[in-house]
C-alpha atoms as a PDB file:
ATOM      1  CA  UNK A   1     125.330 219.736  75.489  1.00  0.00           C
ATOM      2  CA  UNK A   2     129.024 220.444  75.973  1.00  0.00           C
ATOM      3  CA  UNK A   3     131.207 222.892  74.071  1.00  0.00           C
ATOM      4  CA  UNK A   4     134.884 222.118  73.532  1.00  0.00           C
ATOM      5  CA  UNK A   5     135.801 225.164  75.596  1.00  0.00           C
ATOM      6  CA  UNK A   6     134.286 223.273  78.533  1.00  0.00           C
ATOM      7  CA  UNK A   7     131.120 225.395  78.636  1.00  0.00           C
ATOM      8  CA  UNK A   8     127.962 223.442  79.372  1.00  0.00           C
ATOM      9  CA  UNK A   9     125.493 224.917  76.883  1.00  0.00           C
ATOM     10  CA  UNK A  10     122.465 222.958  78.050  1.00  0.00           C
ATOM     11  CA  UNK A  11     121.756 220.360  80.697  1.00  0.00           C
ATOM     12  CA  UNK A  12     118.306 218.865  80.901  1.00  0.00           C
ATOM     13  CA  UNK A  13     117.020 216.021  83.003  1.00  0.00           C
ATOM     14  CA  UNK A  14     113.518 214.611  83.156  1.00  0.00           C
ATOM     15  CA  UNK A  15     112.219 211.951  85.494  1.00  0.00           C
ATOM     16  CA  UNK A  16     109.351 210.144  83.816  1.00  0.00           C
ATOM     17  CA  UNK A  17     107.408 207.262  85.258  1.00  0.00           C
ATOM     18  CA  UNK A  18     104.272 205.720  83.885  1.00  0.00           C
ATOM     19  CA  UNK A  19     101.328 206.371  86.265  1.00  0.00           C
ATOM     20  CA  UNK A  20     100.347 202.709  86.483  1.00  0.00           C
ATOM     21  CA  UNK A  21     103.930 201.795  87.391  1.00  0.00           C
ATOM     22  CA  UNK A  22     103.998 204.398  90.164  1.00  0.00           C
ATOM     23  CA  UNK A  23     100.647 203.205  91.504  1.00  0.00           C
ATOM     24  CA  UNK A  24     101.853 199.621  91.529  1.00  0.00           C
ATOM     25  CA  UNK A  25     104.985 200.502  93.488  1.00  0.00           C
ATOM     26  CA  UNK A  26     103.186 202.630  96.050  1.00  0.00           C
ATOM     27  CA  UNK A  27     100.377 200.133  96.423  1.00  0.00           C
ATOM     28  CA  UNK A  28     102.361 196.917  96.795  1.00  0.00           C
ATOM     29  CA  UNK A  29     105.789 198.053  98.027  1.00  0.00           C
ATOM     30  CA  UNK A  30     104.583 200.690 100.457  1.00  0.00           C
ATOM     31  CA  UNK A  31     106.248 203.553  98.601  1.00  0.00           C
ATOM     32  CA  UNK A  32     109.454 203.499 100.650  1.00  0.00           C
ATOM     33  CA  UNK A  33     111.523 201.965  97.879  1.00  0.00           C
ATOM     34  CA  UNK A  34     110.506 204.589  95.319  1.00  0.00           C
ATOM     35  CA  UNK A  35     111.272 207.433  97.740  1.00  0.00           C
ATOM     36  CA  UNK A  36     114.831 206.128  98.017  1.00  0.00           C
ATOM     37  CA  UNK A  37     114.976 205.929  94.235  1.00  0.00           C
ATOM     38  CA  UNK A  38     113.812 209.522  93.835  1.00  0.00           C
ATOM     39  CA  UNK A  39     116.291 210.799  96.401  1.00  0.00           C
ATOM     40  CA  UNK A  40     119.089 209.123  94.509  1.00  0.00           C
ATOM     41  CA  UNK A  41     118.172 210.318  91.036  1.00  0.00           C
ATOM     42  CA  UNK A  42     116.339 213.639  91.265  1.00  0.00           C
ATOM     43  CA  UNK A  43     118.100 217.000  91.518  1.00  0.00           C
ATOM     44  CA  UNK A  44     118.695 220.086  89.459  1.00  0.00           C
ATOM     45  CA  UNK A  45     119.512 219.368  85.835  1.00  0.00           C
ATOM     46  CA  UNK A  46     123.209 220.201  86.053  1.00  0.00           C
ATOM     47  CA  UNK A  47     123.456 218.422  89.380  1.00  0.00           C
ATOM     48  CA  UNK A  48     121.773 215.397  87.826  1.00  0.00           C
ATOM     49  CA  UNK A  49     124.335 215.210  85.034  1.00  0.00           C
ATOM     50  CA  UNK A  50     127.158 215.183  87.572  1.00  0.00           C
ATOM     51  CA  UNK A  51     125.526 212.852  90.082  1.00  0.00           C
ATOM     52  CA  UNK A  52     123.515 210.365  88.047  1.00  0.00           C
ATOM     53  CA  UNK A  53     125.498 207.277  87.217  1.00  0.00           C
ATOM     54  CA  UNK A  54     124.840 204.138  85.235  1.00  0.00           C
ATOM     55  CA  UNK A  55     126.606 201.213  83.697  1.00  0.00           C
ATOM     56  CA  UNK A  56     127.774 202.173  80.264  1.00  0.00           C
ATOM     57  CA  UNK A  57     128.321 200.261  77.049  1.00  0.00           C
ATOM     58  CA  UNK A  58     129.902 202.803  74.715  1.00  0.00           C
ATOM     59  CA  UNK A  59     133.249 203.424  73.055  1.00  0.00           C
ATOM     60  CA  UNK A  60     134.374 205.198  76.194  1.00  0.00           C
ATOM     61  CA  UNK A  61     135.079 201.860  77.760  1.00  0.00           C
ATOM     62  CA  UNK A  62     135.298 199.716  74.648  1.00  0.00           C
ATOM     63  CA  UNK A  63     137.533 202.196  72.902  1.00  0.00           C
ATOM     64  CA  UNK A  64     139.866 202.848  75.805  1.00  0.00           C
ATOM     65  CA  UNK A  65     140.292 199.115  76.280  1.00  0.00           C
ATOM     66  CA  UNK A  66     141.636 198.933  72.756  1.00  0.00           C
ATOM     67  CA  UNK A  67     143.757 202.061  73.203  1.00  0.00           C
ATOM     68  CA  UNK A  68     145.520 200.348  76.071  1.00  0.00           C
ATOM     69  CA  UNK A  69     146.603 197.221  74.249  1.00  0.00           C
ATOM     70  CA  UNK A  70     145.472 197.051  70.650  1.00  0.00           C
ATOM     71  CA  UNK A  71     146.538 198.218  67.238  1.00  0.00           C
ATOM     72  CA  UNK A  72     143.783 199.667  65.029  1.00  0.00           C
ATOM     73  CA  UNK A  73     144.767 197.072  62.424  1.00  0.00           C
ATOM     74  CA  UNK A  74     144.433 194.061  64.738  1.00  0.00           C
ATOM     75  CA  UNK A  75     141.490 191.805  63.987  1.00  0.00           C
ATOM     76  CA  UNK A  76     139.409 189.506  66.165  1.00  0.00           C
ATOM     77  CA  UNK A  77     137.328 186.551  65.030  1.00  0.00           C
ATOM     78  CA  UNK A  78     133.649 186.020  65.573  1.00  0.00           C
ATOM     79  CA  UNK A  79     133.680 183.965  68.811  1.00  0.00           C
ATOM     80  CA  UNK A  80     135.490 184.237  72.152  1.00  0.00           C
ATOM     81  CA  UNK A  81     136.187 181.307  74.477  1.00  0.00           C
ATOM     82  CA  UNK A  82     137.226 181.318  78.138  1.00  0.00           C
ATOM     83  CA  UNK A  83     137.317 178.023  79.979  1.00  0.00           C
ATOM     84  CA  UNK A  84     134.316 175.964  78.986  1.00  0.00           C
ATOM     85  CA  UNK A  85     132.246 178.935  77.891  1.00  0.00           C
ATOM     86  CA  UNK A  86     132.045 180.315  74.373  1.00  0.00           C
ATOM     87  CA  UNK A  87     130.539 183.718  73.628  1.00  0.00           C
ATOM     88  CA  UNK A  88     129.186 185.310  70.506  1.00  0.00           C
ATOM     89  CA  UNK A  89     127.581 188.696  69.840  1.00  0.00           C
ATOM     90  CA  UNK A  90     123.844 189.338  69.790  1.00  0.00           C
ATOM     91  CA  UNK A  91     124.053 188.713  66.058  1.00  0.00           C
ATOM     92  CA  UNK A  92     123.373 184.931  65.795  1.00  0.00           C
ATOM     93  CA  UNK A  93     125.912 184.247  63.063  1.00  0.00           C
ATOM     94  CA  UNK A  94     128.407 186.701  64.532  1.00  0.00           C
ATOM     95  CA  UNK A  95     130.116 189.670  62.898  1.00  0.00           C
ATOM     96  CA  UNK A  96     133.033 187.783  61.403  1.00  0.00           C
ATOM     97  CA  UNK A  97     136.600 189.046  61.616  1.00  0.00           C
ATOM     98  CA  UNK A  98     136.631 192.724  62.659  1.00  0.00           C
ATOM     99  CA  UNK A  99     139.133 195.520  63.178  1.00  0.00           C
ATOM    100  CA  UNK A 100     138.729 198.349  65.704  1.00  0.00           C
ATOM    101  CA  UNK A 101     136.758 200.649  63.393  1.00  0.00           C
ATOM    102  CA  UNK A 102     134.151 198.069  62.454  1.00  0.00           C
ATOM    103  CA  UNK A 103     133.981 196.609  65.968  1.00  0.00           C
ATOM    104  CA  UNK A 104     132.996 200.067  67.218  1.00  0.00           C
ATOM    105  CA  UNK A 105     130.597 200.620  64.331  1.00  0.00           C
ATOM    106  CA  UNK A 106     128.772 197.353  64.948  1.00  0.00           C
ATOM    107  CA  UNK A 107     129.287 197.360  68.746  1.00  0.00           C
ATOM    108  CA  UNK A 108     130.734 193.860  68.730  1.00  0.00           C
ATOM    109  CA  UNK A 109     131.182 192.630  72.303  1.00  0.00           C
ATOM    110  CA  UNK A 110     133.269 189.626  71.285  1.00  0.00           C
ATOM    111  CA  UNK A 111     135.981 191.904  69.898  1.00  0.00           C
ATOM    112  CA  UNK A 112     136.250 193.630  73.265  1.00  0.00           C
ATOM    113  CA  UNK A 113     136.184 190.419  75.275  1.00  0.00           C
ATOM    114  CA  UNK A 114     139.443 189.603  73.528  1.00  0.00           C
ATOM    115  CA  UNK A 115     140.755 193.127  74.067  1.00  0.00           C
ATOM    116  CA  UNK A 116     139.923 193.012  77.778  1.00  0.00           C
ATOM    117  CA  UNK A 117     141.498 189.609  78.210  1.00  0.00           C
ATOM    118  CA  UNK A 118     144.663 190.785  76.481  1.00  0.00           C
ATOM    119  CA  UNK A 119     144.895 194.137  78.297  1.00  0.00           C
ATOM    120  CA  UNK A 120     143.934 193.088  81.805  1.00  0.00           C
ATOM    121  CA  UNK A 121     141.822 194.949  84.347  1.00  0.00           C
ATOM    122  CA  UNK A 122     144.484 197.371  85.571  1.00  0.00           C
ATOM    123  CA  UNK A 123     145.399 198.577  82.073  1.00  0.00           C
ATOM    124  CA  UNK A 124     141.731 199.272  81.345  1.00  0.00           C
ATOM    125  CA  UNK A 125     141.346 201.074  84.683  1.00  0.00           C
ATOM    126  CA  UNK A 126     144.452 203.207  84.129  1.00  0.00           C
ATOM    127  CA  UNK A 127     143.288 204.265  80.674  1.00  0.00           C
ATOM    128  CA  UNK A 128     139.761 204.991  81.951  1.00  0.00           C
ATOM    129  CA  UNK A 129     141.152 207.260  84.663  1.00  0.00           C
ATOM    130  CA  UNK A 130     143.173 209.169  82.095  1.00  0.00           C
ATOM    131  CA  UNK A 131     139.860 210.063  80.467  1.00  0.00           C
ATOM    132  CA  UNK A 132     138.437 211.230  83.788  1.00  0.00           C
ATOM    133  CA  UNK A 133     136.369 208.261  84.874  1.00  0.00           C
ATOM    134  CA  UNK A 134     136.372 207.299  88.530  1.00  0.00           C
ATOM    135  CA  UNK A 135     136.877 210.895  89.719  1.00  0.00           C
ATOM    136  CA  UNK A 136     134.911 214.177  89.800  1.00  0.00           C
ATOM    137  CA  UNK A 137     135.257 216.266  86.648  1.00  0.00           C
ATOM    138  CA  UNK A 138     135.750 219.492  88.617  1.00  0.00           C
ATOM    139  CA  UNK A 139     132.380 221.025  87.717  1.00  0.00           C
ATOM    140  CA  UNK A 140     132.110 224.340  89.565  1.00  0.00           C
ATOM    141  CA  UNK A 141     128.763 223.434  91.143  1.00  0.00           C
ATOM    142  CA  UNK A 142     130.302 220.741  93.308  1.00  0.00           C
ATOM    143  CA  UNK A 143     128.340 217.725  94.609  1.00  0.00           C
ATOM    144  CA  UNK A 144     129.795 215.338  92.043  1.00  0.00           C
ATOM    145  CA  UNK A 145     130.002 211.617  92.506  1.00  0.00           C
ATOM    146  CA  UNK A 146     133.156 209.951  91.173  1.00  0.00           C
ATOM    147  CA  UNK A 147     131.590 206.870  89.618  1.00  0.00           C
ATOM    148  CA  UNK A 148     133.314 203.506  89.820  1.00  0.00           C
ATOM    149  CA  UNK A 149     136.276 202.149  87.873  1.00  0.00           C
ATOM    150  CA  UNK A 150     137.297 198.762  89.296  1.00  0.00           C
ATOM    151  CA  UNK A 151     140.868 197.515  89.393  1.00  0.00           C
ATOM    152  CA  UNK A 152     142.746 194.600  90.941  1.00  0.00           C
ATOM    153  CA  UNK A 153     142.879 196.392  94.321  1.00  0.00           C
ATOM    154  CA  UNK A 154     139.144 197.057  94.584  1.00  0.00           C
ATOM    155  CA  UNK A 155     137.602 193.781  93.431  1.00  0.00           C
ATOM    156  CA  UNK A 156     136.979 190.895  95.799  1.00  0.00           C
ATOM    157  CA  UNK A 157     137.481 187.160  95.181  1.00  0.00           C
ATOM    158  CA  UNK A 158     133.774 186.628  95.784  1.00  0.00           C
ATOM    159  CA  UNK A 159     132.914 188.855  92.834  1.00  0.00           C
ATOM    160  CA  UNK A 160     135.008 186.882  90.364  1.00  0.00           C
ATOM    161  CA  UNK A 161     138.543 186.676  89.055  1.00  0.00           C
ATOM    162  CA  UNK A 162     140.494 189.667  87.772  1.00  0.00           C
ATOM    163  CA  UNK A 163     140.365 188.095  84.321  1.00  0.00           C
ATOM    164  CA  UNK A 164     136.576 187.879  84.412  1.00  0.00           C
ATOM    165  CA  UNK A 165     136.361 191.482  85.646  1.00  0.00           C
ATOM    166  CA  UNK A 166     138.622 192.624  82.801  1.00  0.00           C
ATOM    167  CA  UNK A 167     136.418 190.996  80.185  1.00  0.00           C
ATOM    168  CA  UNK A 168     133.328 192.592  81.736  1.00  0.00           C
ATOM    169  CA  UNK A 169     135.022 195.980  82.072  1.00  0.00           C
ATOM    170  CA  UNK A 170     136.103 195.930  78.424  1.00  0.00           C
ATOM    171  CA  UNK A 171     132.459 196.368  77.388  1.00  0.00           C
ATOM    172  CA  UNK A 172     131.597 198.779  80.195  1.00  0.00           C
ATOM    173  CA  UNK A 173     129.731 196.255  82.326  1.00  0.00           C
ATOM    174  CA  UNK A 174     130.399 194.687  85.725  1.00  0.00           C
ATOM    175  CA  UNK A 175     131.145 197.215  88.454  1.00  0.00           C
ATOM    176  CA  UNK A 176     131.761 200.181  86.145  1.00  0.00           C
ATOM    177  CA  UNK A 177     129.571 203.236  86.721  1.00  0.00           C
ATOM    178  CA  UNK A 178     129.986 206.632  85.045  1.00  0.00           C
ATOM    179  CA  UNK A 179     128.088 209.922  84.912  1.00  0.00           C
ATOM    180  CA  UNK A 180     126.770 211.717  81.809  1.00  0.00           C
ATOM    181  CA  UNK A 181     129.151 214.601  82.503  1.00  0.00           C
ATOM    182  CA  UNK A 182     132.138 212.246  82.592  1.00  0.00           C
ATOM    183  CA  UNK A 183     130.987 210.936  79.237  1.00  0.00           C
ATOM    184  CA  UNK A 184     130.872 214.448  77.810  1.00  0.00           C
ATOM    185  CA  UNK A 185     134.375 215.268  79.053  1.00  0.00           C
ATOM    186  CA  UNK A 186     135.771 212.010  77.635  1.00  0.00           C
ATOM    187  CA  UNK A 187     134.124 212.426  74.251  1.00  0.00           C
ATOM    188  CA  UNK A 188     135.397 215.988  74.054  1.00  0.00           C
ATOM    189  CA  UNK A 189     138.924 214.693  74.657  1.00  0.00           C
ATOM    190  CA  UNK A 190     138.673 212.201  71.814  1.00  0.00           C
ATOM    191  CA  UNK A 191     137.210 214.811  69.490  1.00  0.00           C
ATOM    192  CA  UNK A 192     139.651 217.627  70.327  1.00  0.00           C
ATOM    193  CA  UNK A 193     142.794 215.528  70.031  1.00  0.00           C
ATOM    194  CA  UNK A 194     143.416 214.567  73.640  1.00  0.00           C
ATOM    195  CA  UNK A 195     142.707 217.535  75.965  1.00  0.00           C
ATOM    196  CA  UNK A 196     140.748 216.948  79.175  1.00  0.00           C
ATOM    197  CA  UNK A 197     138.899 220.234  79.710  1.00  0.00           C
ATOM    198  CA  UNK A 198     137.250 221.561  82.845  1.00  0.00           C
ATOM    199  CA  UNK A 199     133.437 221.665  82.515  1.00  0.00           C
ATOM    200  CA  UNK A 200     131.999 225.048  83.497  1.00  0.00           C
ATOM    201  CA  UNK A 201     128.475 226.391  83.894  1.00  0.00           C
ATOM    202  CA  UNK A 202     129.235 230.124  84.064  1.00  0.00           C
ATOM    203  CA  UNK A 203     130.588 231.907  80.991  1.00  0.00           C
ATOM    204  CA  UNK A 204     130.994 235.358  82.573  1.00  0.00           C
ATOM    205  CA  UNK A 205     129.682 237.651  85.314  1.00  0.00           C
ATOM    206  CA  UNK A 206     128.339 241.047  84.235  1.00  0.00           C
ATOM    207  CA  UNK A 207     127.349 244.187  86.127  1.00  0.00           C
ATOM    208  CA  UNK A 208     123.861 245.688  85.582  1.00  0.00           C
ATOM    209  CA  UNK A 209     125.347 248.067  83.030  1.00  0.00           C
ATOM    210  CA  UNK A 210     126.775 245.175  81.039  1.00  0.00           C
ATOM    211  CA  UNK A 211     130.365 245.613  82.152  1.00  0.00           C
ATOM    212  CA  UNK A 212     132.158 242.277  82.382  1.00  0.00           C
ATOM    213  CA  UNK A 213     133.296 241.701  85.968  1.00  0.00           C
ATOM    214  CA  UNK A 214     134.795 238.284  85.398  1.00  0.00           C
ATOM    215  CA  UNK A 215     135.087 235.977  82.441  1.00  0.00           C
ATOM    216  CA  UNK A 216     135.738 232.271  82.819  1.00  0.00           C
ATOM    217  CA  UNK A 217     138.317 231.113  80.325  1.00  0.00           C
ATOM    218  CA  UNK A 218     138.610 227.533  79.059  1.00  0.00           C
ATOM    219  CA  UNK A 219     140.898 225.405  81.200  1.00  0.00           C
ATOM    220  CA  UNK A 220     142.788 222.341  80.030  1.00  0.00           C
ATOM    221  CA  UNK A 221     143.269 220.092  83.033  1.00  0.00           C
ATOM    222  CA  UNK A 222     145.685 217.672  81.388  1.00  0.00           C
ATOM    223  CA  UNK A 223     146.691 215.946  78.182  1.00  0.00           C
ATOM    224  CA  UNK A 224     145.832 212.321  77.511  1.00  0.00           C
ATOM    225  CA  UNK A 225     149.277 211.650  76.109  1.00  0.00           C
ATOM    226  CA  UNK A 226     148.004 209.274  73.418  1.00  0.00           C
ATOM    227  CA  UNK A 227     149.190 208.963  69.839  1.00  0.00           C
ATOM    228  CA  UNK A 228     147.247 211.016  67.324  1.00  0.00           C
ATOM    229  CA  UNK A 229     146.861 207.880  65.219  1.00  0.00           C
ATOM    230  CA  UNK A 230     145.184 206.049  68.110  1.00  0.00           C
ATOM    231  CA  UNK A 231     142.615 208.775  68.687  1.00  0.00           C
ATOM    232  CA  UNK A 232     142.066 209.077  64.934  1.00  0.00           C
ATOM    233  CA  UNK A 233     141.292 205.355  64.786  1.00  0.00           C
ATOM    234  CA  UNK A 234     138.654 205.731  67.497  1.00  0.00           C
ATOM    235  CA  UNK A 235     137.155 208.779  65.759  1.00  0.00           C
ATOM    236  CA  UNK A 236     136.941 206.770  62.530  1.00  0.00           C
ATOM    237  CA  UNK A 237     134.994 204.089  64.383  1.00  0.00           C
ATOM    238  CA  UNK A 238     132.628 206.631  65.914  1.00  0.00           C
ATOM    239  CA  UNK A 239     132.082 208.148  62.484  1.00  0.00           C
ATOM    240  CA  UNK A 240     131.231 204.715  61.090  1.00  0.00           C
ATOM    241  CA  UNK A 241     128.708 204.113  63.906  1.00  0.00           C
ATOM    242  CA  UNK A 242     126.530 206.873  62.465  1.00  0.00           C
ATOM    243  CA  UNK A 243     127.489 207.247  58.827  1.00  0.00           C
ATOM    244  CA  UNK A 244     128.201 203.775  57.444  1.00  0.00           C
ATOM    245  CA  UNK A 245     125.584 201.101  56.707  1.00  0.00           C
ATOM    246  CA  UNK A 246     125.666 198.538  59.487  1.00  0.00           C
ATOM    247  CA  UNK A 247     126.569 201.129  62.104  1.00  0.00           C
ATOM    248  CA  UNK A 248     124.332 200.942  65.150  1.00  0.00           C
ATOM    249  CA  UNK A 249     123.227 204.593  64.770  1.00  0.00           C
ATOM    250  CA  UNK A 250     122.903 204.556  60.984  1.00  0.00           C
ATOM    251  CA  UNK A 251     119.188 205.368  61.253  1.00  0.00           C
ATOM    252  CA  UNK A 252     119.965 208.525  63.278  1.00  0.00           C
ATOM    253  CA  UNK A 253     122.398 210.058  60.786  1.00  0.00           C
ATOM    254  CA  UNK A 254     121.739 213.652  59.789  1.00  0.00           C
ATOM    255  CA  UNK A 255     121.556 215.088  56.309  1.00  0.00           C
ATOM    256  CA  UNK A 256     122.873 218.541  57.158  1.00  0.00           C
ATOM    257  CA  UNK A 257     125.468 217.730  59.850  1.00  0.00           C
ATOM    258  CA  UNK A 258     128.090 214.983  59.801  1.00  0.00           C
ATOM    259  CA  UNK A 259     127.860 213.589  63.344  1.00  0.00           C
ATOM    260  CA  UNK A 260     129.979 210.898  65.024  1.00  0.00           C
ATOM    261  CA  UNK A 261     128.974 208.966  68.129  1.00  0.00           C
ATOM    262  CA  UNK A 262     128.376 205.691  69.896  1.00  0.00           C
ATOM    263  CA  UNK A 263     125.288 203.863  71.044  1.00  0.00           C
ATOM    264  CA  UNK A 264     125.240 202.096  74.380  1.00  0.00           C
ATOM    265  CA  UNK A 265     122.884 199.633  76.010  1.00  0.00           C
ATOM    266  CA  UNK A 266     123.790 199.218  79.660  1.00  0.00           C
ATOM    267  CA  UNK A 267     122.479 196.405  81.790  1.00  0.00           C
ATOM    268  CA  UNK A 268     121.013 197.327  85.182  1.00  0.00           C
ATOM    269  CA  UNK A 269     120.644 195.451  88.446  1.00  0.00           C
ATOM    270  CA  UNK A 270     117.488 193.398  88.622  1.00  0.00           C
ATOM    271  CA  UNK A 271     115.063 194.090  91.423  1.00  0.00           C
ATOM    272  CA  UNK A 272     114.957 191.710  94.339  1.00  0.00           C
ATOM    273  CA  UNK A 273     111.977 189.529  95.037  1.00  0.00           C
ATOM    274  CA  UNK A 274     111.226 191.470  98.222  1.00  0.00           C
ATOM    275  CA  UNK A 275     109.644 194.252  96.174  1.00  0.00           C
ATOM    276  CA  UNK A 276     106.766 191.923  95.235  1.00  0.00           C
ATOM    277  CA  UNK A 277     105.987 193.852  92.080  1.00  0.00           C
ATOM    278  CA  UNK A 278     103.904 192.498  89.252  1.00  0.00           C
ATOM    279  CA  UNK A 279     105.885 191.244  86.218  1.00  0.00           C
ATOM    280  CA  UNK A 280     105.112 194.310  84.099  1.00  0.00           C
ATOM    281  CA  UNK A 281     106.421 196.742  86.721  1.00  0.00           C
ATOM    282  CA  UNK A 282     109.476 194.664  87.481  1.00  0.00           C
ATOM    283  CA  UNK A 283     110.224 194.368  83.765  1.00  0.00           C
ATOM    284  CA  UNK A 284     110.250 198.169  83.485  1.00  0.00           C
ATOM    285  CA  UNK A 285     112.833 198.670  86.231  1.00  0.00           C
ATOM    286  CA  UNK A 286     114.954 195.815  84.921  1.00  0.00           C
ATOM    287  CA  UNK A 287     115.062 197.328  81.430  1.00  0.00           C
ATOM    288  CA  UNK A 288     118.463 198.440  80.166  1.00  0.00           C
ATOM    289  CA  UNK A 289     119.618 202.057  80.186  1.00  0.00           C
ATOM    290  CA  UNK A 290     119.999 203.592  76.727  1.00  0.00           C
ATOM    291  CA  UNK A 291     123.049 205.775  75.976  1.00  0.00           C
ATOM    292  CA  UNK A 292     124.203 207.804  73.046  1.00  0.00           C
ATOM    293  CA  UNK A 293     127.181 210.159  73.063  1.00  0.00           C
ATOM    294  CA  UNK A 294     128.105 212.210  70.026  1.00  0.00           C
ATOM    295  CA  UNK A 295     130.215 215.061  68.731  1.00  0.00           C
ATOM    296  CA  UNK A 296     129.731 217.190  65.647  1.00  0.00           C
ATOM    297  CA  UNK A 297     130.777 218.019  63.054  1.00  0.00           C
ATOM    298  CA  UNK A 298     132.807 214.834  62.934  1.00  0.00           C
ATOM    299  CA  UNK A 299     135.693 216.341  60.944  1.00  0.00           C
ATOM    300  CA  UNK A 300     135.899 219.610  62.912  1.00  0.00           C
ATOM    301  CA  UNK A 301     134.019 219.089  66.196  1.00  0.00           C
ATOM    302  CA  UNK A 302     132.648 221.924  68.274  1.00  0.00           C
ATOM    303  CA  UNK A 303     129.950 220.367  70.431  1.00  0.00           C
ATOM    304  CA  UNK A 304     129.324 217.151  72.390  1.00  0.00           C
ATOM    305  CA  UNK A 305     125.877 215.753  73.219  1.00  0.00           C
ATOM    306  CA  UNK A 306     125.262 212.902  75.684  1.00  0.00           C
ATOM    307  CA  UNK A 307     121.867 211.282  76.186  1.00  0.00           C
ATOM    308  CA  UNK A 308     121.112 208.797  78.973  1.00  0.00           C
ATOM    309  CA  UNK A 309     117.591 207.379  78.863  1.00  0.00           C
ATOM    310  CA  UNK A 310     117.190 205.378  82.056  1.00  0.00           C
ATOM    311  CA  UNK A 311     115.318 202.117  81.514  1.00  0.00           C
ATOM    312  CA  UNK A 312     114.857 203.209  77.916  1.00  0.00           C
ATOM    313  CA  UNK A 313     116.104 200.006  76.319  1.00  0.00           C
ATOM    314  CA  UNK A 314     118.459 200.025  73.338  1.00  0.00           C
ATOM    315  CA  UNK A 315     120.707 202.994  72.788  1.00  0.00           C
ATOM    316  CA  UNK A 316     120.102 202.942  69.047  1.00  0.00           C
ATOM    317  CA  UNK A 317     116.352 203.293  69.541  1.00  0.00           C
ATOM    318  CA  UNK A 318     115.926 205.198  72.795  1.00  0.00           C
ATOM    319  CA  UNK A 319     118.896 207.603  72.917  1.00  0.00           C
ATOM    320  CA  UNK A 320     120.500 208.142  69.481  1.00  0.00           C
ATOM    321  CA  UNK A 321     117.411 209.758  67.883  1.00  0.00           C
ATOM    322  CA  UNK A 322     117.152 212.268  70.743  1.00  0.00           C
ATOM    323  CA  UNK A 323     120.842 213.168  70.503  1.00  0.00           C
ATOM    324  CA  UNK A 324     120.524 213.628  66.738  1.00  0.00           C
ATOM    325  CA  UNK A 325     117.643 216.064  67.254  1.00  0.00           C
ATOM    326  CA  UNK A 326     119.691 218.075  69.743  1.00  0.00           C
ATOM    327  CA  UNK A 327     122.673 218.244  67.382  1.00  0.00           C
ATOM    328  CA  UNK A 328     120.433 219.248  64.488  1.00  0.00           C
ATOM    329  CA  UNK A 329     118.729 221.957  66.563  1.00  0.00           C
ATOM    330  CA  UNK A 330     122.079 223.356  67.745  1.00  0.00           C
ATOM    331  CA  UNK A 331     123.359 223.873  64.225  1.00  0.00           C
ATOM    332  CA  UNK A 332     119.993 225.182  63.032  1.00  0.00           C
ATOM    333  CA  UNK A 333     120.072 227.884  65.723  1.00  0.00           C
ATOM    334  CA  UNK A 334     123.693 228.639  64.892  1.00  0.00           C
ATOM    335  CA  UNK A 335     122.843 229.145  61.223  1.00  0.00           C
ATOM    336  CA  UNK A 336     119.932 231.412  62.104  1.00  0.00           C
ATOM    337  CA  UNK A 337     122.087 233.525  64.417  1.00  0.00           C
ATOM    338  CA  UNK A 338     124.961 233.860  61.959  1.00  0.00           C
ATOM    339  CA  UNK A 339     124.576 237.013  59.876  1.00  0.00           C
ATOM    340  CA  UNK A 340     124.694 236.474  56.144  1.00  0.00           C
ATOM    341  CA  UNK A 341     127.965 237.412  54.451  1.00  0.00           C
ATOM    342  CA  UNK A 342     128.196 240.950  53.197  1.00  0.00           C
ATOM    343  CA  UNK A 343     127.485 241.313  49.515  1.00  0.00           C
ATOM    344  CA  UNK A 344     130.064 243.356  47.639  1.00  0.00           C
ATOM    345  CA  UNK A 345     128.638 246.179  45.502  1.00  0.00           C
ATOM    346  CA  UNK A 346     128.660 245.491  41.801  1.00  0.00           C
ATOM    347  CA  UNK A 347     131.688 246.746  39.906  1.00  0.00           C
ATOM    348  CA  UNK A 348     131.112 249.871  37.851  1.00  0.00           C
ATOM    349  CA  UNK A 349     131.208 249.240  34.156  1.00  0.00           C
ATOM    350  CA  UNK A 350     131.697 251.595  31.274  1.00  0.00           C
ATOM    351  CA  UNK A 351     131.529 251.302  27.575  1.00  0.00           C
ATOM    352  CA  UNK A 352     133.291 253.303  24.935  1.00  0.00           C
ATOM    353  CA  UNK A 353     131.754 253.778  21.525  1.00  0.00           C
ATOM    354  CA  UNK A 354     133.978 254.951  18.757  1.00  0.00           C
END
């Protein structure tokens, strides 16, 4: 949970593995592979948020692709063709002609294939870096990994053409890797109008008697330098994701808080045959990562929540409901801690009888 001042209000990470899956790995793969996995992914909660990285299919890549080359009013048709291959979305009949808002709401990959092809890999990379991807956020605990944002200088011919990389990058796939903390910083920038803020763990340092020794003030690292209308268009799409029928997080909308956000379902690398795992175990570790990133209230945001459920499956099912519960709990606690407004004493009245 991330406040717009940059304060990290809560950071929680849980490693969960089904016992039969663990037994299968240790029994058949000798355990060495899982030890490497644990070393990579386990740490303190705040450290985990800054170090854990995963492919990401959310607005943060889809949206910035459009910001680099697209007008919010531009529309894209249902199919996309490159060479001899023709793509459609996971919806069999396609989504039809869509603008930016509805492409975000329905998470239409085909829209962003066209955006990526039009923008090119380097434009997508430049916009992503403006939002803080591909570099440490500056968290005061250190030990951050930068993630990966590919561009024309980092890709190799063996991995595919720059055009193919751009189309992949436009939906957050391919070589892109980001951390949950980078997601929180980027979403905060969209919600607050374009400020990249420094994430901070410590609010203040106090002496035993309560005297404040040092207070850590919010720090704006830089401005995105984007048009207000462009960011407003993205916010409208994120609002529609949650609050309009057909949005991918429609089922996670809240009655008491108007939340905006984006689901993500990120493909992962499949395990090699050398692991010799049974199909059930291998299917688990090949399952997609589920993302949901949100801010609330949508019209006047004050908090960002990012959920990454590794190998959880679809973002709409395995991440959005958890984020909605966190947002709901935050505002419930806030209401309980806010003192009721003072009640003015009744006005004195008098009557005169003649």
